[in-house]
N, C-alpha and C. Protein backbone atom coordinates (compact mmCIF):
# COMPACT_ATOMS: atom_id res chain seq x y z
N MET A 1 99.99 86.57 86.88
CA MET A 1 100.53 86.07 88.13
C MET A 1 99.57 85.03 88.69
N TYR A 2 100.12 84.06 89.35
CA TYR A 2 99.35 82.96 89.94
C TYR A 2 98.53 83.45 91.12
N LYS A 3 97.25 83.08 91.17
CA LYS A 3 96.40 83.39 92.32
C LYS A 3 95.95 82.11 92.96
N ARG A 4 96.04 82.05 94.27
CA ARG A 4 95.66 80.85 95.02
C ARG A 4 94.15 80.68 95.05
N LYS A 5 93.73 79.44 94.97
CA LYS A 5 92.31 79.13 95.09
C LYS A 5 91.92 78.93 96.55
N ILE A 6 92.86 78.44 97.33
CA ILE A 6 92.64 78.21 98.75
C ILE A 6 93.39 79.29 99.52
N PRO A 7 92.72 80.02 100.41
CA PRO A 7 93.41 81.09 101.15
C PRO A 7 94.48 80.53 102.09
N ILE A 8 95.47 81.35 102.33
CA ILE A 8 96.57 80.97 103.22
C ILE A 8 96.11 81.17 104.66
N GLU A 9 96.32 80.16 105.48
CA GLU A 9 96.01 80.27 106.90
C GLU A 9 97.32 80.43 107.65
N LEU A 10 97.48 81.57 108.28
CA LEU A 10 98.71 81.85 109.01
C LEU A 10 98.42 81.81 110.50
N ASN A 11 98.23 80.60 111.01
CA ASN A 11 97.90 80.43 112.43
C ASN A 11 99.12 80.51 113.33
N CYS A 12 100.27 80.20 112.77
CA CYS A 12 101.49 80.28 113.57
C CYS A 12 102.64 80.73 112.68
N GLY A 13 103.76 81.02 113.29
CA GLY A 13 104.93 81.50 112.56
C GLY A 13 105.45 80.50 111.54
N LEU A 14 105.29 79.21 111.83
CA LEU A 14 105.79 78.20 110.90
C LEU A 14 105.04 78.23 109.57
N ASP A 15 103.73 78.52 109.63
CA ASP A 15 102.96 78.64 108.39
C ASP A 15 103.49 79.79 107.55
N LEU A 16 103.81 80.90 108.19
CA LEU A 16 104.33 82.07 107.49
C LEU A 16 105.68 81.76 106.85
N VAL A 17 106.56 81.12 107.59
CA VAL A 17 107.88 80.76 107.06
C VAL A 17 107.74 79.82 105.88
N LYS A 18 106.85 78.85 106.00
CA LYS A 18 106.65 77.90 104.92
C LYS A 18 106.16 78.60 103.65
N GLU A 19 105.24 79.54 103.81
CA GLU A 19 104.72 80.26 102.65
C GLU A 19 105.76 81.16 102.01
N VAL A 20 106.55 81.84 102.83
CA VAL A 20 107.55 82.76 102.30
C VAL A 20 108.68 82.00 101.62
N LEU A 21 109.11 80.90 102.20
CA LEU A 21 110.27 80.19 101.67
C LEU A 21 109.92 79.08 100.71
N TYR A 22 108.66 78.95 100.32
CA TYR A 22 108.27 77.93 99.38
C TYR A 22 108.92 78.25 98.03
N GLY A 23 109.80 77.40 97.61
CA GLY A 23 110.54 77.59 96.36
C GLY A 23 111.91 76.98 96.51
N LYS A 24 112.36 76.37 95.47
CA LYS A 24 113.61 75.62 95.53
C LYS A 24 114.82 76.50 95.86
N TRP A 25 114.82 77.73 95.37
CA TRP A 25 116.02 78.56 95.49
C TRP A 25 115.87 79.72 96.46
N LYS A 26 114.73 79.89 97.10
CA LYS A 26 114.52 81.06 97.95
C LYS A 26 115.45 81.09 99.15
N VAL A 27 115.71 79.96 99.75
CA VAL A 27 116.63 79.93 100.90
C VAL A 27 118.02 80.36 100.45
N HIS A 28 118.45 79.87 99.29
CA HIS A 28 119.75 80.27 98.75
C HIS A 28 119.78 81.77 98.46
N LEU A 29 118.70 82.28 97.87
CA LEU A 29 118.64 83.70 97.56
C LEU A 29 118.73 84.55 98.82
N ILE A 30 117.97 84.17 99.84
CA ILE A 30 117.99 84.93 101.09
C ILE A 30 119.39 84.90 101.71
N TYR A 31 120.03 83.75 101.66
CA TYR A 31 121.39 83.64 102.22
C TYR A 31 122.36 84.57 101.49
N PHE A 32 122.39 84.49 100.17
CA PHE A 32 123.35 85.29 99.42
C PHE A 32 123.04 86.78 99.50
N ILE A 33 121.77 87.13 99.56
CA ILE A 33 121.41 88.55 99.74
C ILE A 33 121.88 89.03 101.10
N SER A 34 121.74 88.19 102.12
CA SER A 34 122.20 88.57 103.46
C SER A 34 123.72 88.70 103.53
N GLN A 35 124.43 88.04 102.60
CA GLN A 35 125.88 88.14 102.54
C GLN A 35 126.34 89.37 101.77
N GLY A 36 125.40 90.12 101.21
CA GLY A 36 125.74 91.38 100.57
C GLY A 36 125.62 91.41 99.05
N LEU A 37 125.23 90.30 98.44
CA LEU A 37 125.05 90.32 96.99
C LEU A 37 123.77 91.07 96.66
N LYS A 38 123.83 91.95 95.67
CA LYS A 38 122.67 92.77 95.36
C LYS A 38 122.17 92.62 93.94
N ARG A 39 123.02 92.30 93.01
CA ARG A 39 122.62 92.23 91.61
C ARG A 39 122.19 90.82 91.23
N PRO A 40 121.19 90.72 90.36
CA PRO A 40 120.75 89.39 89.91
C PRO A 40 121.87 88.59 89.24
N SER A 41 122.77 89.28 88.54
CA SER A 41 123.87 88.56 87.89
C SER A 41 124.82 87.95 88.92
N GLU A 42 125.02 88.62 90.05
CA GLU A 42 125.85 88.06 91.11
C GLU A 42 125.19 86.82 91.71
N LEU A 43 123.88 86.90 91.90
CA LEU A 43 123.14 85.76 92.44
C LEU A 43 123.18 84.59 91.46
N GLN A 44 123.07 84.90 90.17
CA GLN A 44 123.12 83.85 89.14
C GLN A 44 124.47 83.14 89.17
N ARG A 45 125.54 83.89 89.37
CA ARG A 45 126.87 83.26 89.45
C ARG A 45 127.01 82.36 90.67
N LYS A 46 126.39 82.74 91.77
CA LYS A 46 126.48 81.94 92.99
C LYS A 46 125.57 80.71 92.96
N ILE A 47 124.50 80.77 92.16
CA ILE A 47 123.55 79.66 92.05
C ILE A 47 123.47 79.26 90.58
N PRO A 48 124.50 78.64 90.03
CA PRO A 48 124.53 78.37 88.59
C PRO A 48 123.52 77.34 88.12
N ARG A 49 123.04 76.47 89.00
CA ARG A 49 122.07 75.45 88.57
C ARG A 49 120.68 76.01 88.33
N ALA A 50 120.40 77.19 88.88
CA ALA A 50 119.09 77.81 88.70
C ALA A 50 119.11 78.69 87.46
N THR A 51 118.04 78.65 86.70
CA THR A 51 117.97 79.51 85.52
C THR A 51 117.70 80.95 85.94
N ARG A 52 118.05 81.86 85.08
CA ARG A 52 117.83 83.28 85.37
C ARG A 52 116.34 83.57 85.57
N ARG A 53 115.50 82.94 84.76
CA ARG A 53 114.05 83.14 84.87
C ARG A 53 113.53 82.70 86.23
N VAL A 54 113.96 81.53 86.68
CA VAL A 54 113.50 81.01 87.98
C VAL A 54 113.95 81.94 89.11
N LEU A 55 115.19 82.38 89.05
CA LEU A 55 115.69 83.30 90.08
C LEU A 55 114.88 84.60 90.07
N ASN A 56 114.60 85.12 88.90
CA ASN A 56 113.82 86.36 88.82
C ASN A 56 112.41 86.18 89.38
N VAL A 57 111.78 85.07 89.05
CA VAL A 57 110.43 84.80 89.56
C VAL A 57 110.45 84.70 91.09
N GLN A 58 111.41 83.97 91.62
CA GLN A 58 111.45 83.80 93.07
C GLN A 58 111.87 85.07 93.79
N LEU A 59 112.74 85.88 93.18
CA LEU A 59 113.07 87.18 93.77
C LEU A 59 111.83 88.08 93.80
N ASN A 60 111.05 88.07 92.72
CA ASN A 60 109.83 88.87 92.68
C ASN A 60 108.83 88.40 93.72
N GLN A 61 108.73 87.09 93.93
CA GLN A 61 107.82 86.56 94.95
C GLN A 61 108.25 87.00 96.35
N LEU A 62 109.55 86.94 96.61
CA LEU A 62 110.05 87.39 97.91
C LEU A 62 109.76 88.88 98.11
N GLU A 63 109.94 89.65 97.06
CA GLU A 63 109.68 91.08 97.14
C GLU A 63 108.19 91.35 97.39
N ASP A 64 107.33 90.63 96.68
CA ASP A 64 105.88 90.80 96.86
C ASP A 64 105.46 90.41 98.27
N ASP A 65 106.02 89.31 98.79
CA ASP A 65 105.70 88.88 100.15
C ASP A 65 106.13 89.94 101.15
N HIS A 66 107.29 90.51 100.93
CA HIS A 66 107.81 91.53 101.84
C HIS A 66 106.92 92.77 101.81
N GLN A 67 106.52 93.20 100.62
CA GLN A 67 105.66 94.38 100.50
C GLN A 67 104.29 94.13 101.13
N GLU A 68 103.77 92.93 100.97
CA GLU A 68 102.47 92.60 101.57
C GLU A 68 102.55 92.64 103.09
N GLN A 69 103.64 92.14 103.65
CA GLN A 69 103.81 92.17 105.10
C GLN A 69 103.91 93.61 105.59
N LEU A 70 104.63 94.45 104.84
CA LEU A 70 104.73 95.85 105.23
C LEU A 70 103.37 96.54 105.20
N ARG A 71 102.57 96.25 104.16
CA ARG A 71 101.24 96.84 104.06
C ARG A 71 100.37 96.43 105.24
N SER A 72 100.40 95.16 105.61
CA SER A 72 99.58 94.70 106.72
C SER A 72 100.06 95.30 108.04
N ARG A 73 101.37 95.45 108.19
CA ARG A 73 101.91 96.04 109.41
C ARG A 73 101.50 97.51 109.51
N ILE A 74 101.55 98.23 108.38
CA ILE A 74 101.14 99.64 108.38
C ILE A 74 99.66 99.75 108.72
N ALA A 75 98.85 98.88 108.15
CA ALA A 75 97.41 98.90 108.43
C ALA A 75 97.15 98.64 109.91
N LYS A 76 97.85 97.67 110.50
CA LYS A 76 97.67 97.39 111.93
C LYS A 76 98.09 98.59 112.77
N ASP A 77 99.19 99.24 112.38
CA ASP A 77 99.64 100.42 113.13
C ASP A 77 98.62 101.55 113.05
N ARG A 78 98.03 101.73 111.88
CA ARG A 78 97.01 102.78 111.73
C ARG A 78 95.79 102.48 112.57
N ILE A 79 95.38 101.23 112.61
CA ILE A 79 94.21 100.83 113.39
C ILE A 79 94.49 101.05 114.88
N SER A 80 95.68 100.63 115.33
CA SER A 80 95.99 100.76 116.75
C SER A 80 96.16 102.24 117.15
N SER A 81 96.71 103.07 116.26
CA SER A 81 96.87 104.48 116.60
C SER A 81 95.52 105.22 116.58
N SER A 82 94.60 104.80 115.70
CA SER A 82 93.29 105.45 115.68
C SER A 82 92.43 104.99 116.85
N ALA A 83 92.71 103.82 117.40
CA ALA A 83 91.95 103.31 118.54
C ALA A 83 92.34 104.03 119.82
N GLN A 84 93.52 104.61 119.84
CA GLN A 84 93.99 105.31 121.05
C GLN A 84 93.33 106.61 121.12
């Protein structure tokens, strides 16, 4: 998996959106997933110009980003609850 050499600076919400949606097909994927499509084959049919490999890579990136955000949110919640 690709590792960044320069760390991501998330100073504002726009930086976060840019990092999450970086990818040619991610906006399309998010739209079709929000419309109820769940299987990769359904997404492939809706986005025929994208290869299956590219869609899989970008779906995995979205999933990794989502899991990372959940981990950081859980860590913040633990810190705030232990501070009380």
